[in-house]
Amino acid sequence: MMLEVNHVRKSFDSAEVLKDVSISVEKGEVVSILGPSGSGKTTLLRCMNFLERADSGEMIFDGRRIDLAAASDREIAAIRKKTAFVFQNYNLFLNKNALQNVTEGLVIARKMDRAKADEIGRQALAKVGMLDWKDSYPSQLSGGQQQRVAIARAIAVDPEIIYFDEPTSALDPELTGEVLDVMRTLADDGMTMLVVTHEMGFARNVSSKVCFMEGGVVVESGTPEKIFGDPEKDRTREFLGILEKEQ
């Protein structure tokens, strides 16, 4: 098992957002997490990358066991060097062009030589079809193009896993396809991905495993064939029916 989190709990004031959540990802898997708003999906991803501090729970990453509530700065830095995070609202630097957005983390956080970083940045932008826009600023790009730059930034650090937090939720339907195409390409290349999404087609056709969350718990998980074709839980069946009608 490449990545495993067990018994994760997280509360904000009196609201318990995650209630004993456990999830695992094998190397090369694409695991999609579905669920209604407020089910804890994004909070789980943020706790896994220490953007939020879990109240309790553990992570096992490449055989290394880490207490999510008590992880040291050194442990967090070591995990983040192996992971990347793609946000739903892109999180690009507005005063930097596409190439600079991709290379900033390499130069500042990883102390990489600028020429080497630029080379890696160009390769990453080419992979997502954005090399021709390397000198463009976020304000000059569509939402889909900005998200592809964000994905290029993620793959530039050569992560072992990429977390995607609803990467198409801020996009018009016309632009959603170009982002999903990039993600499908990454999946075909063997990139390990944990994806919070409402895109049923992606979850059904690209995922190795699908998890359905609601109320801070994993209600059901299994292969796409099982979850979409023969779910065990009535609530899973009900949610997928609603989602299918919306799409």
C-alpha atoms as a PDB file:
ATOM      1  CA  MET A   1       0.000   0.000   0.000  1.00  0.00           C
ATOM      2  CA  MET A   2       1.504   3.331  -1.067  1.00  0.00           C
ATOM      3  CA  LEU A   3      -0.733   5.655   0.981  1.00  0.00           C
ATOM      4  CA  GLU A   4      -3.133   4.901   3.790  1.00  0.00           C
ATOM      5  CA  VAL A   5      -4.909   7.112   6.296  1.00  0.00           C
ATOM      6  CA  ASN A   6      -6.734   5.592   9.225  1.00  0.00           C
ATOM      7  CA  HIS A   7      -9.300   6.844  11.756  1.00  0.00           C
ATOM      8  CA  VAL A   8      -9.094  10.512  10.728  1.00  0.00           C
ATOM      9  CA  ARG A   9     -11.194  12.882  12.799  1.00  0.00           C
ATOM     10  CA  LYS A  10     -11.564  16.624  12.386  1.00  0.00           C
ATOM     11  CA  SER A  11     -13.911  19.131  14.025  1.00  0.00           C
ATOM     12  CA  PHE A  12     -14.407  22.831  13.496  1.00  0.00           C
ATOM     13  CA  ASP A  13     -15.738  24.223  16.758  1.00  0.00           C
ATOM     14  CA  SER A  14     -18.619  21.876  17.651  1.00  0.00           C
ATOM     15  CA  ALA A  15     -19.099  20.519  14.130  1.00  0.00           C
ATOM     16  CA  GLU A  16     -17.465  17.122  13.577  1.00  0.00           C
ATOM     17  CA  VAL A  17     -16.570  17.171   9.869  1.00  0.00           C
ATOM     18  CA  LEU A  18     -14.613  13.900   9.687  1.00  0.00           C
ATOM     19  CA  LYS A  19     -15.739  10.954  11.801  1.00  0.00           C
ATOM     20  CA  ASP A  20     -13.244   8.107  11.820  1.00  0.00           C
ATOM     21  CA  VAL A  21     -12.425   8.163   8.085  1.00  0.00           C
ATOM     22  CA  SER A  22     -10.030   5.611   6.591  1.00  0.00           C
ATOM     23  CA  ILE A  23      -8.934   5.430   2.959  1.00  0.00           C
ATOM     24  CA  SER A  24      -6.096   3.820   0.999  1.00  0.00           C
ATOM     25  CA  VAL A  25      -4.432   4.349  -2.376  1.00  0.00           C
ATOM     26  CA  GLU A  26      -2.178   1.922  -4.223  1.00  0.00           C
ATOM     27  CA  LYS A  27       0.646   3.137  -6.459  1.00  0.00           C
ATOM     28  CA  GLY A  28      -0.755   3.974  -9.902  1.00  0.00           C
ATOM     29  CA  GLU A  29      -4.371   4.047  -8.723  1.00  0.00           C
ATOM     30  CA  VAL A  30      -6.881   6.801  -9.404  1.00  0.00           C
ATOM     31  CA  VAL A  31      -9.230   7.006  -6.423  1.00  0.00           C
ATOM     32  CA  SER A  32     -12.259   9.257  -6.831  1.00  0.00           C
ATOM     33  CA  ILE A  33     -14.177  10.581  -3.835  1.00  0.00           C
ATOM     34  CA  LEU A  34     -17.814  11.488  -4.430  1.00  0.00           C
ATOM     35  CA  GLY A  35     -20.319  13.013  -2.055  1.00  0.00           C
ATOM     36  CA  PRO A  36     -22.635  15.955  -1.422  1.00  0.00           C
ATOM     37  CA  SER A  37     -21.394  19.338  -0.270  1.00  0.00           C
ATOM     38  CA  GLY A  38     -20.387  19.297   3.381  1.00  0.00           C
ATOM     39  CA  SER A  39     -19.585  15.588   3.428  1.00  0.00           C
ATOM     40  CA  GLY A  40     -15.952  16.194   4.439  1.00  0.00           C
ATOM     41  CA  LYS A  41     -14.261  15.385   1.117  1.00  0.00           C
ATOM     42  CA  THR A  42     -12.145  18.528   0.843  1.00  0.00           C
ATOM     43  CA  THR A  43     -11.330  18.531   4.554  1.00  0.00           C
ATOM     44  CA  LEU A  44      -9.999  14.989   4.213  1.00  0.00           C
ATOM     45  CA  LEU A  45      -7.662  16.008   1.379  1.00  0.00           C
ATOM     46  CA  ARG A  46      -6.491  19.070   3.290  1.00  0.00           C
ATOM     47  CA  CYS A  47      -5.759  16.990   6.388  1.00  0.00           C
ATOM     48  CA  MET A  48      -3.802  14.507   4.283  1.00  0.00           C
ATOM     49  CA  ASN A  49      -1.559  17.293   2.987  1.00  0.00           C
ATOM     50  CA  PHE A  50      -1.497  19.146   6.339  1.00  0.00           C
ATOM     51  CA  LEU A  51      -3.297  22.199   5.007  1.00  0.00           C
ATOM     52  CA  GLU A  52      -5.562  21.448   7.972  1.00  0.00           C
ATOM     53  CA  ARG A  53      -4.403  19.695  11.119  1.00  0.00           C
ATOM     54  CA  ALA A  54      -6.501  16.612  11.892  1.00  0.00           C
ATOM     55  CA  ASP A  55      -7.626  16.121  15.488  1.00  0.00           C
ATOM     56  CA  SER A  56      -6.558  12.482  15.326  1.00  0.00           C
ATOM     57  CA  GLY A  57      -5.632   9.763  12.883  1.00  0.00           C
ATOM     58  CA  GLU A  58      -2.549   8.347  11.242  1.00  0.00           C
ATOM     59  CA  MET A  59      -0.992   8.272   7.800  1.00  0.00           C
ATOM     60  CA  ILE A  60       1.186   5.521   6.387  1.00  0.00           C
ATOM     61  CA  PHE A  61       3.111   6.816   3.374  1.00  0.00           C
ATOM     62  CA  ASP A  62       5.659   4.571   1.642  1.00  0.00           C
ATOM     63  CA  GLY A  63       5.814   2.498   4.817  1.00  0.00           C
ATOM     64  CA  ARG A  64       6.401   5.481   7.096  1.00  0.00           C
ATOM     65  CA  ARG A  65       3.827   5.954   9.880  1.00  0.00           C
ATOM     66  CA  ILE A  66       2.889   9.534  10.823  1.00  0.00           C
ATOM     67  CA  ASP A  67       0.523  10.860  13.484  1.00  0.00           C
ATOM     68  CA  LEU A  68      -1.677  13.367  11.627  1.00  0.00           C
ATOM     69  CA  ALA A  69      -2.398  15.355  14.781  1.00  0.00           C
ATOM     70  CA  ALA A  70       1.183  15.525  16.044  1.00  0.00           C
ATOM     71  CA  ALA A  71       3.339  15.465  12.901  1.00  0.00           C
ATOM     72  CA  SER A  72       6.456  17.600  13.159  1.00  0.00           C
ATOM     73  CA  ASP A  73       7.372  20.326  10.666  1.00  0.00           C
ATOM     74  CA  ARG A  74      10.084  18.035   9.323  1.00  0.00           C
ATOM     75  CA  GLU A  75       7.620  15.184   8.785  1.00  0.00           C
ATOM     76  CA  ILE A  76       5.164  17.516   7.063  1.00  0.00           C
ATOM     77  CA  ALA A  77       7.883  18.881   4.774  1.00  0.00           C
ATOM     78  CA  ALA A  78       8.935  15.342   3.866  1.00  0.00           C
ATOM     79  CA  ILE A  79       5.350  14.400   2.945  1.00  0.00           C
ATOM     80  CA  ARG A  80       4.817  17.555   0.907  1.00  0.00           C
ATOM     81  CA  LYS A  81       7.945  16.851  -1.128  1.00  0.00           C
ATOM     82  CA  LYS A  82       6.249  13.663  -2.320  1.00  0.00           C
ATOM     83  CA  THR A  83       2.809  15.145  -2.984  1.00  0.00           C
ATOM     84  CA  ALA A  84       1.143  17.903  -4.984  1.00  0.00           C
ATOM     85  CA  PHE A  85      -2.227  19.599  -4.576  1.00  0.00           C
ATOM     86  CA  VAL A  86      -4.498  20.997  -7.315  1.00  0.00           C
ATOM     87  CA  PHE A  87      -7.092  23.414  -5.926  1.00  0.00           C
ATOM     88  CA  GLN A  88     -10.521  24.104  -7.342  1.00  0.00           C
ATOM     89  CA  ASN A  89      -9.778  27.826  -7.660  1.00  0.00           C
ATOM     90  CA  TYR A  90      -6.324  27.351  -9.297  1.00  0.00           C
ATOM     91  CA  ASN A  91      -4.301  29.315  -6.646  1.00  0.00           C
ATOM     92  CA  LEU A  92      -1.980  30.842  -9.254  1.00  0.00           C
ATOM     93  CA  PHE A  93       0.177  33.897  -8.593  1.00  0.00           C
ATOM     94  CA  LEU A  94      -1.573  36.676 -10.507  1.00  0.00           C
ATOM     95  CA  ASN A  95       1.656  38.673 -10.921  1.00  0.00           C
ATOM     96  CA  LYS A  96       3.581  35.773 -12.491  1.00  0.00           C
ATOM     97  CA  ASN A  97       3.247  34.251 -15.936  1.00  0.00           C
ATOM     98  CA  ALA A  98       2.418  30.605 -16.566  1.00  0.00           C
ATOM     99  CA  LEU A  99       6.030  29.425 -16.620  1.00  0.00           C
ATOM    100  CA  GLN A 100       6.899  31.365 -13.459  1.00  0.00           C
ATOM    101  CA  ASN A 101       3.855  29.874 -11.696  1.00  0.00           C
ATOM    102  CA  VAL A 102       5.129  26.399 -12.520  1.00  0.00           C
ATOM    103  CA  THR A 103       8.749  27.042 -11.568  1.00  0.00           C
ATOM    104  CA  GLU A 104       8.302  29.162  -8.429  1.00  0.00           C
ATOM    105  CA  GLY A 105       8.072  26.174  -6.095  1.00  0.00           C
ATOM    106  CA  LEU A 106      11.073  24.507  -7.694  1.00  0.00           C
ATOM    107  CA  VAL A 107      13.267  27.575  -7.276  1.00  0.00           C
ATOM    108  CA  ILE A 108      12.061  28.852  -3.895  1.00  0.00           C
ATOM    109  CA  ALA A 109      11.091  25.695  -2.000  1.00  0.00           C
ATOM    110  CA  ARG A 110      13.465  23.203  -3.609  1.00  0.00           C
ATOM    111  CA  LYS A 111      16.372  25.590  -4.276  1.00  0.00           C
ATOM    112  CA  MET A 112      16.636  24.437  -7.885  1.00  0.00           C
ATOM    113  CA  ASP A 113      18.773  26.293 -10.393  1.00  0.00           C
ATOM    114  CA  ARG A 114      16.583  28.662 -12.450  1.00  0.00           C
ATOM    115  CA  ALA A 115      17.676  27.229 -15.805  1.00  0.00           C
ATOM    116  CA  LYS A 116      16.897  23.673 -14.679  1.00  0.00           C
ATOM    117  CA  ALA A 117      13.557  24.783 -13.241  1.00  0.00           C
ATOM    118  CA  ASP A 118      12.649  26.515 -16.504  1.00  0.00           C
ATOM    119  CA  GLU A 119      13.458  23.357 -18.441  1.00  0.00           C
ATOM    120  CA  ILE A 120      11.220  21.258 -16.179  1.00  0.00           C
ATOM    121  CA  GLY A 121       8.539  23.956 -16.274  1.00  0.00           C
ATOM    122  CA  ARG A 122       8.442  23.982 -20.063  1.00  0.00           C
ATOM    123  CA  GLN A 123       8.176  20.200 -20.145  1.00  0.00           C
ATOM    124  CA  ALA A 124       5.289  20.285 -17.664  1.00  0.00           C
ATOM    125  CA  LEU A 125       3.461  22.991 -19.604  1.00  0.00           C
ATOM    126  CA  ALA A 126       3.942  21.024 -22.818  1.00  0.00           C
ATOM    127  CA  LYS A 127       2.433  17.956 -21.175  1.00  0.00           C
ATOM    128  CA  VAL A 128      -0.796  19.840 -20.410  1.00  0.00           C
ATOM    129  CA  GLY A 129      -0.870  21.641 -23.759  1.00  0.00           C
ATOM    130  CA  MET A 130       0.036  25.057 -22.364  1.00  0.00           C
ATOM    131  CA  LEU A 131       3.579  25.683 -23.575  1.00  0.00           C
ATOM    132  CA  ASP A 132       2.417  28.256 -26.133  1.00  0.00           C
ATOM    133  CA  TRP A 133       0.991  30.288 -23.228  1.00  0.00           C
ATOM    134  CA  LYS A 134       4.117  30.159 -21.044  1.00  0.00           C
ATOM    135  CA  ASP A 135       4.451  33.973 -21.058  1.00  0.00           C
ATOM    136  CA  SER A 136       0.763  34.632 -20.386  1.00  0.00           C
ATOM    137  CA  TYR A 137      -0.519  35.822 -17.012  1.00  0.00           C
ATOM    138  CA  PRO A 138      -3.543  34.258 -15.285  1.00  0.00           C
ATOM    139  CA  SER A 139      -5.762  37.218 -16.235  1.00  0.00           C
ATOM    140  CA  GLN A 140      -5.041  36.440 -19.891  1.00  0.00           C
ATOM    141  CA  LEU A 141      -6.060  32.775 -19.587  1.00  0.00           C
ATOM    142  CA  SER A 142      -9.417  31.028 -19.436  1.00  0.00           C
ATOM    143  CA  GLY A 143     -10.361  29.082 -16.331  1.00  0.00           C
ATOM    144  CA  GLY A 144      -9.531  25.821 -18.062  1.00  0.00           C
ATOM    145  CA  GLN A 145      -6.134  27.118 -19.107  1.00  0.00           C
ATOM    146  CA  GLN A 146      -5.410  28.346 -15.582  1.00  0.00           C
ATOM    147  CA  GLN A 147      -6.287  24.945 -14.168  1.00  0.00           C
ATOM    148  CA  ARG A 148      -4.009  23.248 -16.703  1.00  0.00           C
ATOM    149  CA  VAL A 149      -1.183  25.535 -15.554  1.00  0.00           C
ATOM    150  CA  ALA A 150      -1.991  24.496 -11.972  1.00  0.00           C
ATOM    151  CA  ILE A 151      -1.748  20.838 -13.010  1.00  0.00           C
ATOM    152  CA  ALA A 152       1.574  21.555 -14.741  1.00  0.00           C
ATOM    153  CA  ARG A 153       2.803  23.088 -11.479  1.00  0.00           C
ATOM    154  CA  ALA A 154       1.767  19.897  -9.680  1.00  0.00           C
ATOM    155  CA  ILE A 155       3.501  17.483 -12.045  1.00  0.00           C
ATOM    156  CA  ALA A 156       6.654  19.638 -12.229  1.00  0.00           C
ATOM    157  CA  VAL A 157       7.625  18.613  -8.695  1.00  0.00           C
ATOM    158  CA  ASP A 158       7.529  14.932  -9.745  1.00  0.00           C
ATOM    159  CA  PRO A 159       5.140  13.888  -6.951  1.00  0.00           C
ATOM    160  CA  GLU A 160       4.332  10.354  -5.945  1.00  0.00           C
ATOM    161  CA  ILE A 161       0.655  11.329  -5.678  1.00  0.00           C
ATOM    162  CA  ILE A 162      -1.452  14.322  -6.717  1.00  0.00           C
ATOM    163  CA  TYR A 163      -4.485  15.419  -4.711  1.00  0.00           C
ATOM    164  CA  PHE A 164      -7.207  17.077  -6.814  1.00  0.00           C
ATOM    165  CA  ASP A 165      -9.873  19.068  -4.978  1.00  0.00           C
ATOM    166  CA  GLU A 166     -12.842  19.361  -7.366  1.00  0.00           C
ATOM    167  CA  PRO A 167     -10.569  20.614 -10.178  1.00  0.00           C
ATOM    168  CA  THR A 168     -13.442  21.351 -12.575  1.00  0.00           C
ATOM    169  CA  SER A 169     -16.049  22.783 -10.197  1.00  0.00           C
ATOM    170  CA  ALA A 170     -15.201  26.407 -11.055  1.00  0.00           C
ATOM    171  CA  LEU A 171     -15.274  25.791 -14.819  1.00  0.00           C
ATOM    172  CA  ASP A 172     -17.941  26.128 -17.461  1.00  0.00           C
ATOM    173  CA  PRO A 173     -18.907  22.775 -19.021  1.00  0.00           C
ATOM    174  CA  GLU A 174     -17.071  23.701 -22.224  1.00  0.00           C
ATOM    175  CA  LEU A 175     -13.789  24.109 -20.336  1.00  0.00           C
ATOM    176  CA  THR A 176     -14.247  21.095 -18.070  1.00  0.00           C
ATOM    177  CA  GLY A 177     -13.396  18.655 -20.851  1.00  0.00           C
ATOM    178  CA  GLU A 178      -9.919  20.023 -21.477  1.00  0.00           C
ATOM    179  CA  VAL A 179      -8.975  19.619 -17.805  1.00  0.00           C
ATOM    180  CA  LEU A 180     -10.428  16.112 -17.588  1.00  0.00           C
ATOM    181  CA  ASP A 181      -8.526  15.153 -20.755  1.00  0.00           C
ATOM    182  CA  VAL A 182      -5.267  16.163 -19.067  1.00  0.00           C
ATOM    183  CA  MET A 183      -6.181  14.140 -15.984  1.00  0.00           C
ATOM    184  CA  ARG A 184      -7.010  11.111 -18.131  1.00  0.00           C
ATOM    185  CA  THR A 185      -3.589  11.406 -19.772  1.00  0.00           C
ATOM    186  CA  LEU A 186      -1.918  11.493 -16.355  1.00  0.00           C
ATOM    187  CA  ALA A 187      -3.886   8.406 -15.326  1.00  0.00           C
ATOM    188  CA  ASP A 188      -2.827   6.611 -18.511  1.00  0.00           C
ATOM    189  CA  ASP A 189       0.785   7.490 -17.674  1.00  0.00           C
ATOM    190  CA  GLY A 190       0.420   5.804 -14.284  1.00  0.00           C
ATOM    191  CA  MET A 191       0.195   8.893 -12.070  1.00  0.00           C
ATOM    192  CA  THR A 192      -1.280   8.110  -8.655  1.00  0.00           C
ATOM    193  CA  MET A 193      -4.206  10.451  -7.997  1.00  0.00           C
ATOM    194  CA  LEU A 194      -6.761  11.055  -5.258  1.00  0.00           C
ATOM    195  CA  VAL A 195      -9.587  13.080  -6.780  1.00  0.00           C
ATOM    196  CA  VAL A 196     -12.519  14.798  -5.102  1.00  0.00           C
ATOM    197  CA  THR A 197     -14.951  15.251  -7.968  1.00  0.00           C
ATOM    198  CA  HIS A 198     -18.569  15.455  -9.048  1.00  0.00           C
ATOM    199  CA  GLU A 199     -17.738  14.344 -12.593  1.00  0.00           C
ATOM    200  CA  MET A 200     -19.444  10.961 -12.859  1.00  0.00           C
ATOM    201  CA  GLY A 201     -17.971  10.124 -16.258  1.00  0.00           C
ATOM    202  CA  PHE A 202     -14.438  10.582 -14.987  1.00  0.00           C
ATOM    203  CA  ALA A 203     -15.111   8.639 -11.793  1.00  0.00           C
ATOM    204  CA  ARG A 204     -16.750   5.806 -13.696  1.00  0.00           C
ATOM    205  CA  ASN A 205     -14.307   5.515 -16.605  1.00  0.00           C
ATOM    206  CA  VAL A 206     -10.919   6.552 -15.206  1.00  0.00           C
ATOM    207  CA  SER A 207     -10.984   5.572 -11.524  1.00  0.00           C
ATOM    208  CA  SER A 208      -9.537   2.388 -10.100  1.00  0.00           C
ATOM    209  CA  LYS A 209     -11.678   2.865  -6.978  1.00  0.00           C
ATOM    210  CA  VAL A 210     -14.580   5.106  -5.980  1.00  0.00           C
ATOM    211  CA  CYS A 211     -15.464   6.234  -2.450  1.00  0.00           C
ATOM    212  CA  PHE A 212     -18.792   7.792  -1.524  1.00  0.00           C
ATOM    213  CA  MET A 213     -18.696  10.085   1.507  1.00  0.00           C
ATOM    214  CA  GLU A 214     -21.518  11.699   3.421  1.00  0.00           C
ATOM    215  CA  GLY A 215     -21.746  13.214   6.880  1.00  0.00           C
ATOM    216  CA  GLY A 216     -18.044  12.857   7.538  1.00  0.00           C
ATOM    217  CA  VAL A 217     -17.865   9.109   6.925  1.00  0.00           C
ATOM    218  CA  VAL A 218     -17.092   6.807   4.002  1.00  0.00           C
ATOM    219  CA  VAL A 219     -20.488   5.280   3.299  1.00  0.00           C
ATOM    220  CA  GLU A 220     -19.255   2.878   0.635  1.00  0.00           C
ATOM    221  CA  SER A 221     -16.219   2.213  -1.533  1.00  0.00           C
ATOM    222  CA  GLY A 222     -15.348  -0.180  -4.301  1.00  0.00           C
ATOM    223  CA  THR A 223     -14.608  -0.501  -7.986  1.00  0.00           C
ATOM    224  CA  PRO A 224     -16.442   1.855 -10.360  1.00  0.00           C
ATOM    225  CA  GLU A 225     -18.330  -1.153 -11.695  1.00  0.00           C
ATOM    226  CA  LYS A 226     -19.553  -1.986  -8.187  1.00  0.00           C
ATOM    227  CA  ILE A 227     -20.365   1.552  -7.032  1.00  0.00           C
ATOM    228  CA  PHE A 228     -22.101   2.682 -10.210  1.00  0.00           C
ATOM    229  CA  GLY A 229     -23.552  -0.664 -11.260  1.00  0.00           C
ATOM    230  CA  ASP A 230     -24.563  -2.354  -8.014  1.00  0.00           C
ATOM    231  CA  PRO A 231     -24.091  -0.171  -4.917  1.00  0.00           C
ATOM    232  CA  GLU A 232     -24.837  -1.841  -1.586  1.00  0.00           C
ATOM    233  CA  LYS A 233     -26.134   1.237   0.232  1.00  0.00           C
ATOM    234  CA  ASP A 234     -29.457   2.909  -0.553  1.00  0.00           C
ATOM    235  CA  ARG A 235     -27.913   6.331   0.098  1.00  0.00           C
ATOM    236  CA  THR A 236     -25.191   5.705  -2.493  1.00  0.00           C
ATOM    237  CA  ARG A 237     -27.823   4.704  -5.045  1.00  0.00           C
ATOM    238  CA  GLU A 238     -29.918   7.783  -4.243  1.00  0.00           C
ATOM    239  CA  PHE A 239     -26.980  10.198  -4.518  1.00  0.00           C
ATOM    240  CA  LEU A 240     -25.752   8.766  -7.822  1.00  0.00           C
ATOM    241  CA  GLY A 241     -29.265   9.007  -9.232  1.00  0.00           C
ATOM    242  CA  ILE A 242     -29.450  12.700  -8.320  1.00  0.00           C
ATOM    243  CA  LEU A 243     -25.987  13.363  -9.742  1.00  0.00           C
ATOM    244  CA  GLU A 244     -26.831  11.565 -12.969  1.00  0.00           C
ATOM    245  CA  LYS A 245     -29.930  13.718 -13.480  1.00  0.00           C
ATOM    246  CA  GLU A 246     -27.910  16.899 -12.916  1.00  0.00           C
ATOM    247  CA  GLN A 247     -25.341  15.882 -15.531  1.00  0.00           C
END
